[in-house]
PDB file of N, CA and C in Angstrom:
ATOM      1  N   MET A   1     175.365 154.669  86.576  1.00  0.00           N
ATOM      2  CA  MET A   1     174.633 154.416  85.351  1.00  0.00           C
ATOM      3  C   MET A   1     173.189 154.887  85.513  1.00  0.00           C
ATOM      4  N   PRO A   2     172.651 155.518  84.499  1.00  0.00           N
ATOM      5  CA  PRO A   2     171.237 155.909  84.572  1.00  0.00           C
ATOM      6  C   PRO A   2     170.344 154.675  84.456  1.00  0.00           C
ATOM      7  N   PRO A   3     169.145 154.742  85.023  1.00  0.00           N
ATOM      8  CA  PRO A   3     168.242 153.589  84.945  1.00  0.00           C
ATOM      9  C   PRO A   3     167.796 153.322  83.508  1.00  0.00           C
ATOM     10  N   ASP A   4     167.497 152.075  83.220  1.00  0.00           N
ATOM     11  CA  ASP A   4     167.038 151.678  81.894  1.00  0.00           C
ATOM     12  C   ASP A   4     165.581 152.120  81.729  1.00  0.00           C
ATOM     13  N   THR A   5     165.322 153.025  80.804  1.00  0.00           N
ATOM     14  CA  THR A   5     163.982 153.568  80.625  1.00  0.00           C
ATOM     15  C   THR A   5     163.264 152.979  79.409  1.00  0.00           C
ATOM     16  N   ARG A   6     163.826 151.926  78.834  1.00  0.00           N
ATOM     17  CA  ARG A   6     163.178 151.357  77.651  1.00  0.00           C
ATOM     18  C   ARG A   6     161.838 150.717  77.990  1.00  0.00           C
ATOM     19  N   ILE A   7     161.751 150.012  79.110  1.00  0.00           N
ATOM     20  CA  ILE A   7     160.481 149.418  79.512  1.00  0.00           C
ATOM     21  C   ILE A   7     160.281 149.616  81.012  1.00  0.00           C
ATOM     22  N   THR A   8     159.027 149.706  81.401  1.00  0.00           N
ATOM     23  CA  THR A   8     158.697 149.888  82.811  1.00  0.00           C
ATOM     24  C   THR A   8     158.661 148.531  83.520  1.00  0.00           C
ATOM     25  N   ALA A   9     158.581 148.569  84.826  1.00  0.00           N
ATOM     26  CA  ALA A   9     158.509 147.322  85.597  1.00  0.00           C
ATOM     27  C   ALA A   9     157.250 146.541  85.234  1.00  0.00           C
ATOM     28  N   GLN A  10     156.140 147.231  85.029  1.00  0.00           N
ATOM     29  CA  GLN A  10     154.892 146.566  84.656  1.00  0.00           C
ATOM     30  C   GLN A  10     155.021 145.907  83.275  1.00  0.00           C
ATOM     31  N   GLN A  11     155.655 146.574  82.349  1.00  0.00           N
ATOM     32  CA  GLN A  11     155.862 145.997  81.018  1.00  0.00           C
ATOM     33  C   GLN A  11     156.774 144.777  81.104  1.00  0.00           C
ATOM     34  N   ARG A  12     157.772 144.844  81.966  1.00  0.00           N
ATOM     35  CA  ARG A  12     158.685 143.719  82.144  1.00  0.00           C
ATOM     36  C   ARG A  12     157.942 142.493  82.676  1.00  0.00           C
ATOM     37  N   LEU A  13     157.022 142.708  83.634  1.00  0.00           N
ATOM     38  CA  LEU A  13     156.226 141.600  84.164  1.00  0.00           C
ATOM     39  C   LEU A  13     155.321 141.007  83.088  1.00  0.00           C
ATOM     40  N   ARG A  14     154.720 141.876  82.272  1.00  0.00           N
ATOM     41  CA  ARG A  14     153.846 141.384  81.207  1.00  0.00           C
ATOM     42  C   ARG A  14     154.641 140.606  80.162  1.00  0.00           C
ATOM     43  N   LEU A  15     155.827 141.084  79.817  1.00  0.00           N
ATOM     44  CA  LEU A  15     156.671 140.368  78.863  1.00  0.00           C
ATOM     45  C   LEU A  15     157.035 138.982  79.384  1.00  0.00           C
ATOM     46  N   ARG A  16     157.326 138.902  80.664  1.00  0.00           N
ATOM     47  CA  ARG A  16     157.642 137.613  81.279  1.00  0.00           C
ATOM     48  C   ARG A  16     156.445 136.677  81.197  1.00  0.00           C
ATOM     49  N   ALA A  17     155.257 137.194  81.517  1.00  0.00           N
ATOM     50  CA  ALA A  17     154.041 136.387  81.439  1.00  0.00           C
ATOM     51  C   ALA A  17     153.772 135.941  80.003  1.00  0.00           C
ATOM     52  N   MET A  18     154.034 136.829  79.039  1.00  0.00           N
ATOM     53  CA  MET A  18     153.853 136.474  77.626  1.00  0.00           C
ATOM     54  C   MET A  18     154.743 135.306  77.236  1.00  0.00           C
ATOM     55  N   MET A  19     155.991 135.375  77.647  1.00  0.00           N
ATOM     56  CA  MET A  19     156.924 134.317  77.280  1.00  0.00           C
ATOM     57  C   MET A  19     156.559 132.996  77.949  1.00  0.00           C
ATOM     58  N   LEU A  20     156.125 133.043  79.216  1.00  0.00           N
ATOM     59  CA  LEU A  20     155.695 131.824  79.895  1.00  0.00           C
ATOM     60  C   LEU A  20     154.460 131.230  79.215  1.00  0.00           C
ATOM     61  N   ALA A  21     153.516 132.096  78.850  1.00  0.00           N
ATOM     62  CA  ALA A  21     152.293 131.637  78.201  1.00  0.00           C
ATOM     63  C   ALA A  21     152.590 131.035  76.825  1.00  0.00           C
ATOM     64  N   ALA A  22     153.424 131.697  76.047  1.00  0.00           N
ATOM     65  CA  ALA A  22     153.775 131.183  74.724  1.00  0.00           C
ATOM     66  C   ALA A  22     154.530 129.870  74.836  1.00  0.00           C
ATOM     67  N   ASP A  23     155.406 129.772  75.816  1.00  0.00           N
ATOM     68  CA  ASP A  23     156.150 128.536  76.035  1.00  0.00           C
ATOM     69  C   ASP A  23     155.207 127.399  76.398  1.00  0.00           C
ATOM     70  N   GLY A  24     154.241 127.686  77.264  1.00  0.00           N
ATOM     71  CA  GLY A  24     153.266 126.666  77.626  1.00  0.00           C
ATOM     72  C   GLY A  24     152.450 126.220  76.431  1.00  0.00           C
ATOM     73  N   ARG A  25     152.033 127.169  75.612  1.00  0.00           N
ATOM     74  CA  ARG A  25     151.204 126.833  74.448  1.00  0.00           C
ATOM     75  C   ARG A  25     151.980 126.011  73.428  1.00  0.00           C
ATOM     76  N   THR A  26     153.257 126.335  73.220  1.00  0.00           N
ATOM     77  CA  THR A  26     154.061 125.557  72.271  1.00  0.00           C
ATOM     78  C   THR A  26     154.350 124.159  72.796  1.00  0.00           C
ATOM     79  N   ASN A  27     154.189 123.972  74.103  1.00  0.00           N
ATOM     80  CA  ASN A  27     154.347 122.644  74.696  1.00  0.00           C
ATOM     81  C   ASN A  27     152.992 121.980  74.924  1.00  0.00           C
ATOM     82  N   ASP A  28     151.989 122.396  74.133  1.00  0.00           N
ATOM     83  CA  ASP A  28     150.653 121.786  74.100  1.00  0.00           C
ATOM     84  C   ASP A  28     149.848 121.940  75.381  1.00  0.00           C
ATOM     85  N   ALA A  29     150.111 122.956  76.160  1.00  0.00           N
ATOM     86  CA  ALA A  29     149.289 123.235  77.340  1.00  0.00           C
ATOM     87  C   ALA A  29     148.025 123.963  76.883  1.00  0.00           C
ATOM     88  N   SER A  30     146.910 123.676  77.543  1.00  0.00           N
ATOM     89  CA  SER A  30     145.670 124.377  77.224  1.00  0.00           C
ATOM     90  C   SER A  30     145.718 125.777  77.837  1.00  0.00           C
ATOM     91  N   TYR A  31     144.824 126.633  77.373  1.00  0.00           N
ATOM     92  CA  TYR A  31     144.760 127.975  77.946  1.00  0.00           C
ATOM     93  C   TYR A  31     144.436 127.904  79.441  1.00  0.00           C
ATOM     94  N   ARG A  32     143.593 126.970  79.817  1.00  0.00           N
ATOM     95  CA  ARG A  32     143.237 126.814  81.230  1.00  0.00           C
ATOM     96  C   ARG A  32     144.453 126.387  82.056  1.00  0.00           C
ATOM     97  N   ASP A  33     145.249 125.469  81.517  1.00  0.00           N
ATOM     98  CA  ASP A  33     146.469 125.034  82.218  1.00  0.00           C
ATOM     99  C   ASP A  33     147.433 126.208  82.401  1.00  0.00           C
ATOM    100  N   ILE A  34     147.558 127.020  81.366  1.00  0.00           N
ATOM    101  CA  ILE A  34     148.441 128.192  81.436  1.00  0.00           C
ATOM    102  C   ILE A  34     147.931 129.163  82.495  1.00  0.00           C
ATOM    103  N   ALA A  35     146.617 129.387  82.510  1.00  0.00           N
ATOM    104  CA  ALA A  35     146.030 130.292  83.502  1.00  0.00           C
ATOM    105  C   ALA A  35     146.281 129.775  84.916  1.00  0.00           C
ATOM    106  N   MET A  36     146.156 128.473  85.115  1.00  0.00           N
ATOM    107  CA  MET A  36     146.407 127.910  86.444  1.00  0.00           C
ATOM    108  C   MET A  36     147.863 128.099  86.857  1.00  0.00           C
ATOM    109  N   ALA A  37     148.765 127.963  85.905  1.00  0.00           N
ATOM    110  CA  ALA A  37     150.188 128.144  86.213  1.00  0.00           C
ATOM    111  C   ALA A  37     150.506 129.598  86.540  1.00  0.00           C
ATOM    112  N   LEU A  38     149.869 130.534  85.826  1.00  0.00           N
ATOM    113  CA  LEU A  38     150.157 131.950  86.036  1.00  0.00           C
ATOM    114  C   LEU A  38     149.408 132.550  87.214  1.00  0.00           C
ATOM    115  N   TYR A  39     148.139 132.162  87.395  1.00  0.00           N
ATOM    116  CA  TYR A  39     147.286 132.835  88.370  1.00  0.00           C
ATOM    117  C   TYR A  39     146.820 131.950  89.522  1.00  0.00           C
ATOM    118  N   GLY A  40     147.075 130.665  89.443  1.00  0.00           N
ATOM    119  CA  GLY A  40     146.678 129.756  90.514  1.00  0.00           C
ATOM    120  C   GLY A  40     145.337 129.085  90.237  1.00  0.00           C
ATOM    121  N   GLU A  41     145.229 127.859  90.673  1.00  0.00           N
ATOM    122  CA  GLU A  41     144.026 127.061  90.408  1.00  0.00           C
ATOM    123  C   GLU A  41     142.792 127.663  91.068  1.00  0.00           C
ATOM    124  N   ARG A  42     142.948 128.166  92.251  1.00  0.00           N
ATOM    125  CA  ARG A  42     141.808 128.719  92.986  1.00  0.00           C
ATOM    126  C   ARG A  42     141.162 129.888  92.234  1.00  0.00           C
ATOM    127  N   ARG A  43     141.986 130.768  91.714  1.00  0.00           N
ATOM    128  CA  ARG A  43     141.462 131.927  90.992  1.00  0.00           C
ATOM    129  C   ARG A  43     140.803 131.514  89.677  1.00  0.00           C
ATOM    130  N   VAL A  44     141.383 130.536  88.991  1.00  0.00           N
ATOM    131  CA  VAL A  44     140.822 130.081  87.720  1.00  0.00           C
ATOM    132  C   VAL A  44     139.477 129.399  87.940  1.00  0.00           C
ATOM    133  N   MET A  45     139.371 128.622  88.994  1.00  0.00           N
ATOM    134  CA  MET A  45     138.141 127.873  89.265  1.00  0.00           C
ATOM    135  C   MET A  45     137.043 128.736  89.890  1.00  0.00           C
ATOM    136  N   SER A  46     137.347 129.981  90.223  1.00  0.00           N
ATOM    137  CA  SER A  46     136.375 130.822  90.914  1.00  0.00           C
ATOM    138  C   SER A  46     135.280 131.370  89.992  1.00  0.00           C
ATOM    139  N   GLU A  47     135.437 131.236  88.671  1.00  0.00           N
ATOM    140  CA  GLU A  47     134.419 131.718  87.743  1.00  0.00           C
ATOM    141  C   GLU A  47     134.348 130.796  86.533  1.00  0.00           C
ATOM    142  N   PRO A  48     133.218 130.815  85.809  1.00  0.00           N
ATOM    143  CA  PRO A  48     133.096 129.956  84.621  1.00  0.00           C
ATOM    144  C   PRO A  48     134.183 130.275  83.595  1.00  0.00           C
ATOM    145  N   TRP A  49     134.833 129.247  83.080  1.00  0.00           N
ATOM    146  CA  TRP A  49     135.990 129.437  82.221  1.00  0.00           C
ATOM    147  C   TRP A  49     135.639 130.107  80.895  1.00  0.00           C
ATOM    148  N   LYS A  50     134.559 129.716  80.258  1.00  0.00           N
ATOM    149  CA  LYS A  50     134.230 130.245  78.933  1.00  0.00           C
ATOM    150  C   LYS A  50     133.972 131.748  78.932  1.00  0.00           C
ATOM    151  N   THR A  51     133.535 132.303  80.047  1.00  0.00           N
ATOM    152  CA  THR A  51     133.252 133.740  80.117  1.00  0.00           C
ATOM    153  C   THR A  51     134.232 134.477  81.027  1.00  0.00           C
ATOM    154  N   SER A  52     135.285 133.805  81.406  1.00  0.00           N
ATOM    155  CA  SER A  52     136.247 134.374  82.344  1.00  0.00           C
ATOM    156  C   SER A  52     137.132 135.437  81.688  1.00  0.00           C
ATOM    157  N   SER A  53     137.395 136.495  82.429  1.00  0.00           N
ATOM    158  CA  SER A  53     138.327 137.511  81.932  1.00  0.00           C
ATOM    159  C   SER A  53     139.756 136.965  81.910  1.00  0.00           C
ATOM    160  N   LEU A  54     140.043 135.995  82.775  1.00  0.00           N
ATOM    161  CA  LEU A  54     141.375 135.373  82.769  1.00  0.00           C
ATOM    162  C   LEU A  54     141.618 134.635  81.461  1.00  0.00           C
ATOM    163  N   ARG A  55     140.574 134.010  80.930  1.00  0.00           N
ATOM    164  CA  ARG A  55     140.697 133.292  79.659  1.00  0.00           C
ATOM    165  C   ARG A  55     141.116 134.267  78.559  1.00  0.00           C
ATOM    166  N   ASP A  56     140.438 135.399  78.491  1.00  0.00           N
ATOM    167  CA  ASP A  56     140.790 136.405  77.484  1.00  0.00           C
ATOM    168  C   ASP A  56     142.205 136.931  77.691  1.00  0.00           C
ATOM    169  N   ARG A  57     142.578 137.121  78.945  1.00  0.00           N
ATOM    170  CA  ARG A  57     143.922 137.619  79.247  1.00  0.00           C
ATOM    171  C   ARG A  57     144.989 136.623  78.814  1.00  0.00           C
ATOM    172  N   VAL A  58     144.757 135.337  79.087  1.00  0.00           N
ATOM    173  CA  VAL A  58     145.735 134.305  78.725  1.00  0.00           C
ATOM    174  C   VAL A  58     145.853 134.196  77.209  1.00  0.00           C
ATOM    175  N   ILE A  59     144.738 134.246  76.507  1.00  0.00           N
ATOM    176  CA  ILE A  59     144.785 134.189  75.046  1.00  0.00           C
ATOM    177  C   ILE A  59     145.595 135.369  74.506  1.00  0.00           C
ATOM    178  N   GLY A  60     145.401 136.550  75.075  1.00  0.00           N
ATOM    179  CA  GLY A  60     146.177 137.718  74.664  1.00  0.00           C
ATOM    180  C   GLY A  60     147.658 137.576  74.978  1.00  0.00           C
ATOM    181  N   LEU A  61     147.965 136.994  76.132  1.00  0.00           N
ATOM    182  CA  LEU A  61     149.371 136.775  76.492  1.00  0.00           C
ATOM    183  C   LEU A  61     150.033 135.807  75.522  1.00  0.00           C
ATOM    184  N   VAL A  62     149.327 134.756  75.159  1.00  0.00           N
ATOM    185  CA  VAL A  62     149.882 133.778  74.212  1.00  0.00           C
ATOM    186  C   VAL A  62     150.121 134.441  72.863  1.00  0.00           C
ATOM    187  N   LYS A  63     149.136 135.188  72.374  1.00  0.00           N
ATOM    188  CA  LYS A  63     149.300 135.870  71.087  1.00  0.00           C
ATOM    189  C   LYS A  63     150.473 136.847  71.128  1.00  0.00           C
ATOM    190  N   GLY A  64     150.570 137.605  72.206  1.00  0.00           N
ATOM    191  CA  GLY A  64     151.680 138.546  72.350  1.00  0.00           C
ATOM    192  C   GLY A  64     153.026 137.850  72.422  1.00  0.00           C
ATOM    193  N   GLY A  65     153.080 136.755  73.160  1.00  0.00           N
ATOM    194  CA  GLY A  65     154.326 136.002  73.272  1.00  0.00           C
ATOM    195  C   GLY A  65     154.760 135.404  71.953  1.00  0.00           C
ATOM    196  N   LEU A  66     153.804 134.863  71.210  1.00  0.00           N
ATOM    197  CA  LEU A  66     154.141 134.289  69.907  1.00  0.00           C
ATOM    198  C   LEU A  66     154.585 135.382  68.931  1.00  0.00           C
ATOM    199  N   ALA A  67     153.996 136.579  69.054  1.00  0.00           N
ATOM    200  CA  ALA A  67     154.429 137.705  68.219  1.00  0.00           C
ATOM    201  C   ALA A  67     155.862 138.107  68.563  1.00  0.00           C
ATOM    202  N   LEU A  68     156.194 138.097  69.853  1.00  0.00           N
ATOM    203  CA  LEU A  68     157.570 138.397  70.253  1.00  0.00           C
ATOM    204  C   LEU A  68     158.541 137.379  69.679  1.00  0.00           C
ATOM    205  N   ILE A  69     158.162 136.117  69.757  1.00  0.00           N
ATOM    206  CA  ILE A  69     159.023 135.055  69.232  1.00  0.00           C
ATOM    207  C   ILE A  69     159.189 135.210  67.727  1.00  0.00           C
ATOM    208  N   GLY A  70     158.134 135.672  67.065  1.00  0.00           N
ATOM    209  CA  GLY A  70     158.176 135.852  65.613  1.00  0.00           C
ATOM    210  C   GLY A  70     158.944 137.072  65.147  1.00  0.00           C
ATOM    211  N   GLY A  71     159.571 137.788  66.045  1.00  0.00           N
ATOM    212  CA  GLY A  71     160.392 138.928  65.655  1.00  0.00           C
ATOM    213  C   GLY A  71     160.002 140.235  66.315  1.00  0.00           C
ATOM    214  N   GLY A  72     158.910 140.253  67.036  1.00  0.00           N
ATOM    215  CA  GLY A  72     158.468 141.473  67.687  1.00  0.00           C
ATOM    216  C   GLY A  72     159.376 141.930  68.813  1.00  0.00           C
ATOM    217  N   TYR A  73     160.249 141.042  69.277  1.00  0.00           N
ATOM    218  CA  TYR A  73     161.176 141.403  70.346  1.00  0.00           C
ATOM    219  C   TYR A  73     162.133 142.512  69.929  1.00  0.00           C
ATOM    220  N   LEU A  74     162.293 142.710  68.640  1.00  0.00           N
ATOM    221  CA  LEU A  74     163.214 143.751  68.169  1.00  0.00           C
ATOM    222  C   LEU A  74     162.758 145.136  68.605  1.00  0.00           C
ATOM    223  N   LYS A  75     161.443 145.323  68.790  1.00  0.00           N
ATOM    224  CA  LYS A  75     160.932 146.610  69.256  1.00  0.00           C
ATOM    225  C   LYS A  75     161.442 146.921  70.660  1.00  0.00           C
ATOM    226  N   LEU A  76     161.749 145.895  71.426  1.00  0.00           N
ATOM    227  CA  LEU A  76     162.241 146.101  72.787  1.00  0.00           C
ATOM    228  C   LEU A  76     163.620 146.754  72.803  1.00  0.00           C
ATOM    229  N   LEU A  77     164.350 146.567  71.739  1.00  0.00           N
ATOM    230  CA  LEU A  77     165.712 147.100  71.681  1.00  0.00           C
ATOM    231  C   LEU A  77     165.750 148.582  71.348  1.00  0.00           C
ATOM    232  N   ARG A  78     164.640 149.088  70.821  1.00  0.00           N
ATOM    233  CA  ARG A  78     164.586 150.515  70.495  1.00  0.00           C
ATOM    234  C   ARG A  78     164.357 151.322  71.761  1.00  0.00           C
ATOM    235  N   HIS A  79     165.049 152.401  71.877  1.00  0.00           N
ATOM    236  CA  HIS A  79     164.934 153.259  73.054  1.00  0.00           C
ATOM    237  C   HIS A  79     163.716 154.169  72.897  1.00  0.00           C
ATOM    238  N   ARG A  80     162.838 154.163  73.892  1.00  0.00           N
ATOM    239  CA  ARG A  80     161.662 155.037  73.861  1.00  0.00           C
ATOM    240  C   ARG A  80     162.077 156.488  74.036  1.00  0.00           C
ATOM    241  N   ARG A  81     161.477 157.349  73.275  1.00  0.00           N
ATOM    242  CA  ARG A  81     161.730 158.777  73.438  1.00  0.00           C
ATOM    243  C   ARG A  81     160.749 159.351  74.438  1.00  0.00           C
ATOM    244  N   ARG A  82     161.204 160.228  75.258  1.00  0.00           N
ATOM    245  CA  ARG A  82     160.310 160.885  76.204  1.00  0.00           C
ATOM    246  C   ARG A  82     159.523 161.958  75.484  1.00  0.00           C
ATOM    247  N   PRO A  83     158.221 162.074  75.799  1.00  0.00           N
ATOM    248  CA  PRO A  83     157.404 163.102  75.118  1.00  0.00           C
ATOM    249  C   PRO A  83     157.766 164.499  75.547  1.00  0.00           C
TER     250      PRO A  83
END
């Protein structure tokens, strides 16, 4: 069987993180709690939370995950064309 070329390994990891983040948010976890679960407490505490790049990343993951849940997952089923 040929390898699945619809998504790359990096995209697969990001999709997984999106789903974990969205799941945490729907279960009333704060963005900081989600960041600690995904990246570890030590990394989250290493910089001020309000200006942290991790905070922005987690917010983006939650938004992306909620978009997938809202129907955006259908794009994953489409086969990417090679340029």
